[in-house]
Amino acid sequence: MHELIGLNASVVRSACRNNEGMKGCVIDETKGTIVLELPDGEEKRIPKKSSVFVFSVPSGLKLEVDGNEIAFRPEDRPKKAR
């Protein structure tokens, strides 16, 4: 249960092979997507379902998360954590 916006993230697996290996800062999140700002300033919308992400949290931990497990609205995250 963590806010994803502002975290650095990378896509380690995706049904769309073009998305694999993308790294950047999470700048937006919807029910079904995560928007990364890539180092060159480009914004890339990645579907949560069928993707696996690694998020770097402020404590330094890197957490691998299956996008299917977070494919809901960000404001519903506290409810799902219970």
PDB file of N, CA and C in Angstrom:
ATOM      1  N   MET A   1       0.848  -1.165   0.000  1.00  0.00           N
ATOM      2  CA  MET A   1       0.000   0.000   0.000  1.00  0.00           C
ATOM      3  C   MET A   1       0.901   1.237   0.000  1.00  0.00           C
ATOM      4  N   HIS A   2       1.116   1.784  -1.178  1.00  0.00           N
ATOM      5  CA  HIS A   2       2.020   2.910  -1.312  1.00  0.00           C
ATOM      6  C   HIS A   2       1.555   3.752  -2.490  1.00  0.00           C
ATOM      7  N   GLU A   3       1.767   5.034  -2.394  1.00  0.00           N
ATOM      8  CA  GLU A   3       1.501   5.920  -3.530  1.00  0.00           C
ATOM      9  C   GLU A   3       2.561   5.645  -4.588  1.00  0.00           C
ATOM     10  N   LEU A   4       2.142   5.419  -5.821  1.00  0.00           N
ATOM     11  CA  LEU A   4       3.093   5.098  -6.879  1.00  0.00           C
ATOM     12  C   LEU A   4       3.635   6.339  -7.575  1.00  0.00           C
ATOM     13  N   ILE A   5       2.832   7.391  -7.629  1.00  0.00           N
ATOM     14  CA  ILE A   5       3.273   8.607  -8.316  1.00  0.00           C
ATOM     15  C   ILE A   5       4.494   9.166  -7.599  1.00  0.00           C
ATOM     16  N   GLY A   6       5.527   9.423  -8.373  1.00  0.00           N
ATOM     17  CA  GLY A   6       6.785   9.932  -7.832  1.00  0.00           C
ATOM     18  C   GLY A   6       7.859   8.872  -7.674  1.00  0.00           C
ATOM     19  N   LEU A   7       7.470   7.603  -7.736  1.00  0.00           N
ATOM     20  CA  LEU A   7       8.456   6.528  -7.611  1.00  0.00           C
ATOM     21  C   LEU A   7       9.125   6.257  -8.950  1.00  0.00           C
ATOM     22  N   ASN A   8      10.376   5.823  -8.895  1.00  0.00           N
ATOM     23  CA  ASN A   8      11.029   5.337 -10.106  1.00  0.00           C
ATOM     24  C   ASN A   8      10.565   3.914 -10.337  1.00  0.00           C
ATOM     25  N   ALA A   9      10.340   3.587 -11.601  1.00  0.00           N
ATOM     26  CA  ALA A   9       9.828   2.265 -11.941  1.00  0.00           C
ATOM     27  C   ALA A   9      10.449   1.784 -13.240  1.00  0.00           C
ATOM     28  N   SER A  10      10.440   0.481 -13.394  1.00  0.00           N
ATOM     29  CA  SER A  10      10.855  -0.122 -14.664  1.00  0.00           C
ATOM     30  C   SER A  10       9.888  -1.257 -14.985  1.00  0.00           C
ATOM     31  N   VAL A  11       9.749  -1.513 -16.262  1.00  0.00           N
ATOM     32  CA  VAL A  11       8.880  -2.591 -16.739  1.00  0.00           C
ATOM     33  C   VAL A  11       9.779  -3.793 -17.009  1.00  0.00           C
ATOM     34  N   VAL A  12       9.601  -4.860 -16.235  1.00  0.00           N
ATOM     35  CA  VAL A  12      10.464  -6.032 -16.401  1.00  0.00           C
ATOM     36  C   VAL A  12       9.849  -7.077 -17.311  1.00  0.00           C
ATOM     37  N   ARG A  13       8.514  -7.131 -17.377  1.00  0.00           N
ATOM     38  CA  ARG A  13       7.833  -8.033 -18.305  1.00  0.00           C
ATOM     39  C   ARG A  13       6.558  -7.361 -18.777  1.00  0.00           C
ATOM     40  N   SER A  14       6.227  -7.614 -20.024  1.00  0.00           N
ATOM     41  CA  SER A  14       4.998  -7.049 -20.570  1.00  0.00           C
ATOM     42  C   SER A  14       4.566  -7.868 -21.778  1.00  0.00           C
ATOM     43  N   ALA A  15       3.254  -7.932 -21.984  1.00  0.00           N
ATOM     44  CA  ALA A  15       2.741  -8.610 -23.174  1.00  0.00           C
ATOM     45  C   ALA A  15       3.192  -7.864 -24.426  1.00  0.00           C
ATOM     46  N   CYS A  16       3.393  -6.561 -24.305  1.00  0.00           N
ATOM     47  CA  CYS A  16       3.917  -5.744 -25.398  1.00  0.00           C
ATOM     48  C   CYS A  16       5.429  -5.651 -25.219  1.00  0.00           C
ATOM     49  N   ARG A  17       6.162  -6.394 -26.007  1.00  0.00           N
ATOM     50  CA  ARG A  17       7.622  -6.468 -25.852  1.00  0.00           C
ATOM     51  C   ARG A  17       8.295  -5.102 -25.944  1.00  0.00           C
ATOM     52  N   ASN A  18       7.684  -4.141 -26.641  1.00  0.00           N
ATOM     53  CA  ASN A  18       8.260  -2.800 -26.765  1.00  0.00           C
ATOM     54  C   ASN A  18       8.329  -2.088 -25.424  1.00  0.00           C
ATOM     55  N   ASN A  19       7.478  -2.476 -24.470  1.00  0.00           N
ATOM     56  CA  ASN A  19       7.457  -1.825 -23.161  1.00  0.00           C
ATOM     57  C   ASN A  19       8.513  -2.376 -22.204  1.00  0.00           C
ATOM     58  N   GLU A  20       8.986  -3.579 -22.469  1.00  0.00           N
ATOM     59  CA  GLU A  20       9.956  -4.206 -21.566  1.00  0.00           C
ATOM     60  C   GLU A  20      11.242  -3.396 -21.529  1.00  0.00           C
ATOM     61  N   GLY A  21      11.738  -3.203 -20.323  1.00  0.00           N
ATOM     62  CA  GLY A  21      12.987  -2.472 -20.135  1.00  0.00           C
ATOM     63  C   GLY A  21      12.810  -0.970 -19.972  1.00  0.00           C
ATOM     64  N   MET A  22      11.600  -0.460 -20.168  1.00  0.00           N
ATOM     65  CA  MET A  22      11.382   0.978 -19.990  1.00  0.00           C
ATOM     66  C   MET A  22      11.561   1.345 -18.533  1.00  0.00           C
ATOM     67  N   LYS A  23      12.211   2.493 -18.301  1.00  0.00           N
ATOM     68  CA  LYS A  23      12.459   2.975 -16.945  1.00  0.00           C
ATOM     69  C   LYS A  23      12.120   4.450 -16.893  1.00  0.00           C
ATOM     70  N   GLY A  24      11.580   4.860 -15.771  1.00  0.00           N
ATOM     71  CA  GLY A  24      11.272   6.272 -15.599  1.00  0.00           C
ATOM     72  C   GLY A  24      10.569   6.530 -14.289  1.00  0.00           C
ATOM     73  N   CYS A  25      10.079   7.746 -14.162  1.00  0.00           N
ATOM     74  CA  CYS A  25       9.369   8.176 -12.964  1.00  0.00           C
ATOM     75  C   CYS A  25       7.868   8.088 -13.222  1.00  0.00           C
ATOM     76  N   VAL A  26       7.129   7.522 -12.277  1.00  0.00           N
ATOM     77  CA  VAL A  26       5.678   7.432 -12.404  1.00  0.00           C
ATOM     78  C   VAL A  26       5.106   8.846 -12.221  1.00  0.00           C
ATOM     79  N   ILE A  27       4.413   9.344 -13.252  1.00  0.00           N
ATOM     80  CA  ILE A  27       3.837  10.690 -13.171  1.00  0.00           C
ATOM     81  C   ILE A  27       2.315  10.665 -13.121  1.00  0.00           C
ATOM     82  N   ASP A  28       1.715   9.512 -13.413  1.00  0.00           N
ATOM     83  CA  ASP A  28       0.256   9.398 -13.340  1.00  0.00           C
ATOM     84  C   ASP A  28      -0.105   7.933 -13.252  1.00  0.00           C
ATOM     85  N   GLU A  29      -1.301   7.679 -12.721  1.00  0.00           N
ATOM     86  CA  GLU A  29      -1.798   6.320 -12.584  1.00  0.00           C
ATOM     87  C   GLU A  29      -3.307   6.356 -12.724  1.00  0.00           C
ATOM     88  N   THR A  30      -3.838   5.423 -13.492  1.00  0.00           N
ATOM     89  CA  THR A  30      -5.282   5.253 -13.614  1.00  0.00           C
ATOM     90  C   THR A  30      -5.616   3.830 -13.195  1.00  0.00           C
ATOM     91  N   LYS A  31      -6.878   3.478 -13.341  1.00  0.00           N
ATOM     92  CA  LYS A  31      -7.308   2.121 -13.002  1.00  0.00           C
ATOM     93  C   LYS A  31      -6.516   1.077 -13.775  1.00  0.00           C
ATOM     94  N   GLY A  32      -6.262   1.353 -15.041  1.00  0.00           N
ATOM     95  CA  GLY A  32      -5.637   0.335 -15.879  1.00  0.00           C
ATOM     96  C   GLY A  32      -4.255   0.641 -16.400  1.00  0.00           C
ATOM     97  N   THR A  33      -3.709   1.838 -16.089  1.00  0.00           N
ATOM     98  CA  THR A  33      -2.401   2.189 -16.645  1.00  0.00           C
ATOM     99  C   THR A  33      -1.513   2.908 -15.638  1.00  0.00           C
ATOM    100  N   ILE A  34      -0.231   2.888 -15.957  1.00  0.00           N
ATOM    101  CA  ILE A  34       0.773   3.688 -15.260  1.00  0.00           C
ATOM    102  C   ILE A  34       1.464   4.515 -16.331  1.00  0.00           C
ATOM    103  N   VAL A  35       1.648   5.809 -16.068  1.00  0.00           N
ATOM    104  CA  VAL A  35       2.331   6.686 -17.017  1.00  0.00           C
ATOM    105  C   VAL A  35       3.728   6.969 -16.479  1.00  0.00           C
ATOM    106  N   LEU A  36       4.725   6.609 -17.291  1.00  0.00           N
ATOM    107  CA  LEU A  36       6.118   6.844 -16.936  1.00  0.00           C
ATOM    108  C   LEU A  36       6.654   8.028 -17.723  1.00  0.00           C
ATOM    109  N   GLU A  37       7.411   8.881 -17.048  1.00  0.00           N
ATOM    110  CA  GLU A  37       8.181   9.895 -17.758  1.00  0.00           C
ATOM    111  C   GLU A  37       9.577   9.318 -17.934  1.00  0.00           C
ATOM    112  N   LEU A  38       9.950   9.071 -19.179  1.00  0.00           N
ATOM    113  CA  LEU A  38      11.232   8.470 -19.493  1.00  0.00           C
ATOM    114  C   LEU A  38      12.342   9.512 -19.358  1.00  0.00           C
ATOM    115  N   PRO A  39      13.595   9.074 -19.257  1.00  0.00           N
ATOM    116  CA  PRO A  39      14.701  10.025 -19.088  1.00  0.00           C
ATOM    117  C   PRO A  39      14.781  11.099 -20.180  1.00  0.00           C
ATOM    118  N   ASP A  40      14.307  10.796 -21.385  1.00  0.00           N
ATOM    119  CA  ASP A  40      14.353  11.795 -22.469  1.00  0.00           C
ATOM    120  C   ASP A  40      13.166  12.753 -22.431  1.00  0.00           C
ATOM    121  N   GLY A  41      12.297  12.615 -21.404  1.00  0.00           N
ATOM    122  CA  GLY A  41      11.153  13.503 -21.252  1.00  0.00           C
ATOM    123  C   GLY A  41       9.872  12.986 -21.891  1.00  0.00           C
ATOM    124  N   GLU A  42       9.971  11.909 -22.660  1.00  0.00           N
ATOM    125  CA  GLU A  42       8.786  11.318 -23.287  1.00  0.00           C
ATOM    126  C   GLU A  42       7.921  10.660 -22.222  1.00  0.00           C
ATOM    127  N   GLU A  43       6.612  10.717 -22.404  1.00  0.00           N
ATOM    128  CA  GLU A  43       5.681  10.047 -21.507  1.00  0.00           C
ATOM    129  C   GLU A  43       5.168   8.785 -22.175  1.00  0.00           C
ATOM    130  N   LYS A  44       5.171   7.699 -21.436  1.00  0.00           N
ATOM    131  CA  LYS A  44       4.735   6.416 -21.975  1.00  0.00           C
ATOM    132  C   LYS A  44       3.687   5.816 -21.050  1.00  0.00           C
ATOM    133  N   ARG A  45       2.527   5.481 -21.613  1.00  0.00           N
ATOM    134  CA  ARG A  45       1.424   4.872 -20.846  1.00  0.00           C
ATOM    135  C   ARG A  45       1.552   3.353 -20.974  1.00  0.00           C
ATOM    136  N   ILE A  46       1.696   2.689 -19.827  1.00  0.00           N
ATOM    137  CA  ILE A  46       1.901   1.239 -19.775  1.00  0.00           C
ATOM    138  C   ILE A  46       0.669   0.595 -19.143  1.00  0.00           C
ATOM    139  N   PRO A  47       0.073  -0.401 -19.799  1.00  0.00           N
ATOM    140  CA  PRO A  47      -1.068  -1.092 -19.174  1.00  0.00           C
ATOM    141  C   PRO A  47      -0.597  -1.886 -17.948  1.00  0.00           C
ATOM    142  N   LYS A  48      -1.385  -1.814 -16.882  1.00  0.00           N
ATOM    143  CA  LYS A  48      -1.043  -2.575 -15.675  1.00  0.00           C
ATOM    144  C   LYS A  48      -1.197  -4.066 -15.919  1.00  0.00           C
ATOM    145  N   LYS A  49      -2.353  -4.438 -16.479  1.00  0.00           N
ATOM    146  CA  LYS A  49      -2.580  -5.857 -16.750  1.00  0.00           C
ATOM    147  C   LYS A  49      -1.576  -6.319 -17.786  1.00  0.00           C
ATOM    148  N   SER A  50      -1.076  -7.481 -17.605  1.00  0.00           N
ATOM    149  CA  SER A  50      -0.103  -8.132 -18.480  1.00  0.00           C
ATOM    150  C   SER A  50       1.284  -7.511 -18.389  1.00  0.00           C
ATOM    151  N   SER A  51       1.548  -6.720 -17.333  1.00  0.00           N
ATOM    152  CA  SER A  51       2.883  -6.154 -17.128  1.00  0.00           C
ATOM    153  C   SER A  51       3.352  -6.449 -15.706  1.00  0.00           C
ATOM    154  N   VAL A  52       4.663  -6.509 -15.541  1.00  0.00           N
ATOM    155  CA  VAL A  52       5.276  -6.648 -14.223  1.00  0.00           C
ATOM    156  C   VAL A  52       6.240  -5.476 -14.070  1.00  0.00           C
ATOM    157  N   PHE A  53       6.138  -4.791 -12.932  1.00  0.00           N
ATOM    158  CA  PHE A  53       6.923  -3.590 -12.682  1.00  0.00           C
ATOM    159  C   PHE A  53       7.861  -3.805 -11.503  1.00  0.00           C
ATOM    160  N   VAL A  54       8.960  -3.071 -11.487  1.00  0.00           N
ATOM    161  CA  VAL A  54       9.811  -2.972 -10.302  1.00  0.00           C
ATOM    162  C   VAL A  54       9.788  -1.507  -9.893  1.00  0.00           C
ATOM    163  N   PHE A  55       9.332  -1.251  -8.657  1.00  0.00           N
ATOM    164  CA  PHE A  55       9.259   0.096  -8.108  1.00  0.00           C
ATOM    165  C   PHE A  55      10.368   0.273  -7.085  1.00  0.00           C
ATOM    166  N   SER A  56      11.031   1.420  -7.114  1.00  0.00           N
ATOM    167  CA  SER A  56      12.045   1.768  -6.116  1.00  0.00           C
ATOM    168  C   SER A  56      11.390   2.698  -5.105  1.00  0.00           C
ATOM    169  N   VAL A  57      11.241   2.221  -3.867  1.00  0.00           N
ATOM    170  CA  VAL A  57      10.603   3.028  -2.827  1.00  0.00           C
ATOM    171  C   VAL A  57      11.676   3.858  -2.126  1.00  0.00           C
ATOM    172  N   PRO A  58      11.273   4.940  -1.437  1.00  0.00           N
ATOM    173  CA  PRO A  58      12.253   5.848  -0.822  1.00  0.00           C
ATOM    174  C   PRO A  58      13.251   5.181   0.134  1.00  0.00           C
ATOM    175  N   SER A  59      12.858   4.093   0.765  1.00  0.00           N
ATOM    176  CA  SER A  59      13.786   3.414   1.688  1.00  0.00           C
ATOM    177  C   SER A  59      14.921   2.709   0.959  1.00  0.00           C
ATOM    178  N   GLY A  60      14.839   2.642  -0.377  1.00  0.00           N
ATOM    179  CA  GLY A  60      15.873   1.981  -1.163  1.00  0.00           C
ATOM    180  C   GLY A  60      15.482   0.596  -1.630  1.00  0.00           C
ATOM    181  N   LEU A  61      14.385   0.076  -1.109  1.00  0.00           N
ATOM    182  CA  LEU A  61      13.926  -1.251  -1.531  1.00  0.00           C
ATOM    183  C   LEU A  61      13.410  -1.206  -2.961  1.00  0.00           C
ATOM    184  N   LYS A  62      13.612  -2.296  -3.664  1.00  0.00           N
ATOM    185  CA  LYS A  62      13.046  -2.458  -4.997  1.00  0.00           C
ATOM    186  C   LYS A  62      12.001  -3.560  -4.893  1.00  0.00           C
ATOM    187  N   LEU A  63      10.772  -3.225  -5.272  1.00  0.00           N
ATOM    188  CA  LEU A  63       9.663  -4.160  -5.130  1.00  0.00           C
ATOM    189  C   LEU A  63       9.120  -4.540  -6.493  1.00  0.00           C
ATOM    190  N   GLU A  64       9.061  -5.837  -6.763  1.00  0.00           N
ATOM    191  CA  GLU A  64       8.478  -6.321  -8.004  1.00  0.00           C
ATOM    192  C   GLU A  64       6.983  -6.527  -7.795  1.00  0.00           C
ATOM    193  N   VAL A  65       6.177  -5.944  -8.670  1.00  0.00           N
ATOM    194  CA  VAL A  65       4.730  -5.982  -8.526  1.00  0.00           C
ATOM    195  C   VAL A  65       4.101  -6.417  -9.842  1.00  0.00           C
ATOM    196  N   ASP A  66       3.242  -7.425  -9.774  1.00  0.00           N
ATOM    197  CA  ASP A  66       2.466  -7.848 -10.929  1.00  0.00           C
ATOM    198  C   ASP A  66       1.361  -6.821 -11.143  1.00  0.00           C
ATOM    199  N   GLY A  67       1.289  -6.248 -12.323  1.00  0.00           N
ATOM    200  CA  GLY A  67       0.305  -5.221 -12.620  1.00  0.00           C
ATOM    201  C   GLY A  67      -1.126  -5.674 -12.415  1.00  0.00           C
ATOM    202  N   ASN A  68      -1.394  -6.971 -12.566  1.00  0.00           N
ATOM    203  CA  ASN A  68      -2.742  -7.481 -12.333  1.00  0.00           C
ATOM    204  C   ASN A  68      -3.186  -7.260 -10.887  1.00  0.00           C
ATOM    205  N   GLU A  69      -2.225  -7.234  -9.966  1.00  0.00           N
ATOM    206  CA  GLU A  69      -2.541  -7.064  -8.550  1.00  0.00           C
ATOM    207  C   GLU A  69      -2.860  -5.613  -8.186  1.00  0.00           C
ATOM    208  N   ILE A  70      -2.513  -4.673  -9.061  1.00  0.00           N
ATOM    209  CA  ILE A  70      -2.777  -3.256  -8.775  1.00  0.00           C
ATOM    210  C   ILE A  70      -3.678  -2.633  -9.840  1.00  0.00           C
ATOM    211  N   ALA A  71      -4.396  -3.478 -10.578  1.00  0.00           N
ATOM    212  CA  ALA A  71      -5.259  -2.992 -11.662  1.00  0.00           C
ATOM    213  C   ALA A  71      -6.611  -2.537 -11.119  1.00  0.00           C
ATOM    214  N   PHE A  72      -6.564  -1.493 -10.312  1.00  0.00           N
ATOM    215  CA  PHE A  72      -7.769  -0.850  -9.784  1.00  0.00           C
ATOM    216  C   PHE A  72      -7.422   0.608  -9.552  1.00  0.00           C
ATOM    217  N   ARG A  73      -8.426   1.400  -9.222  1.00  0.00           N
ATOM    218  CA  ARG A  73      -8.197   2.827  -9.030  1.00  0.00           C
ATOM    219  C   ARG A  73      -7.256   3.062  -7.847  1.00  0.00           C
ATOM    220  N   PRO A  74      -6.331   4.021  -7.986  1.00  0.00           N
ATOM    221  CA  PRO A  74      -5.386   4.279  -6.897  1.00  0.00           C
ATOM    222  C   PRO A  74      -6.071   4.612  -5.577  1.00  0.00           C
ATOM    223  N   GLU A  75      -7.204   5.306  -5.636  1.00  0.00           N
ATOM    224  CA  GLU A  75      -7.894   5.674  -4.397  1.00  0.00           C
ATOM    225  C   GLU A  75      -8.523   4.468  -3.705  1.00  0.00           C
ATOM    226  N   ASP A  76      -8.621   3.336  -4.401  1.00  0.00           N
ATOM    227  CA  ASP A  76      -9.152   2.116  -3.791  1.00  0.00           C
ATOM    228  C   ASP A  76      -8.067   1.270  -3.126  1.00  0.00           C
ATOM    229  N   ARG A  77      -6.807   1.667  -3.254  1.00  0.00           N
ATOM    230  CA  ARG A  77      -5.704   0.865  -2.714  1.00  0.00           C
ATOM    231  C   ARG A  77      -5.836   0.619  -1.212  1.00  0.00           C
ATOM    232  N   PRO A  78      -6.167   1.617  -0.388  1.00  0.00           N
ATOM    233  CA  PRO A  78      -6.308   1.316   1.051  1.00  0.00           C
ATOM    234  C   PRO A  78      -7.404   0.290   1.345  1.00  0.00           C
ATOM    235  N   LYS A  79      -8.487   0.312   0.576  1.00  0.00           N
ATOM    236  CA  LYS A  79      -9.571  -0.664   0.781  1.00  0.00           C
ATOM    237  C   LYS A  79      -9.101  -2.070   0.438  1.00  0.00           C
ATOM    238  N   LYS A  80      -8.323  -2.200  -0.634  1.00  0.00           N
ATOM    239  CA  LYS A  80      -7.861  -3.515  -1.076  1.00  0.00           C
ATOM    240  C   LYS A  80      -6.824  -4.086  -0.119  1.00  0.00           C
ATOM    241  N   ALA A  81      -6.107  -3.232   0.587  1.00  0.00           N
ATOM    242  CA  ALA A  81      -5.047  -3.686   1.488  1.00  0.00           C
ATOM    243  C   ALA A  81      -5.600  -4.372   2.723  1.00  0.00           C
ATOM    244  N   ARG A  82      -6.833  -4.086   3.050  1.00  0.00           N
ATOM    245  CA  ARG A  82      -7.425  -4.692   4.261  1.00  0.00           C
ATOM    246  C   ARG A  82      -7.650  -6.135   4.119  1.00  0.00           C
TER     247      ARG A  82
END
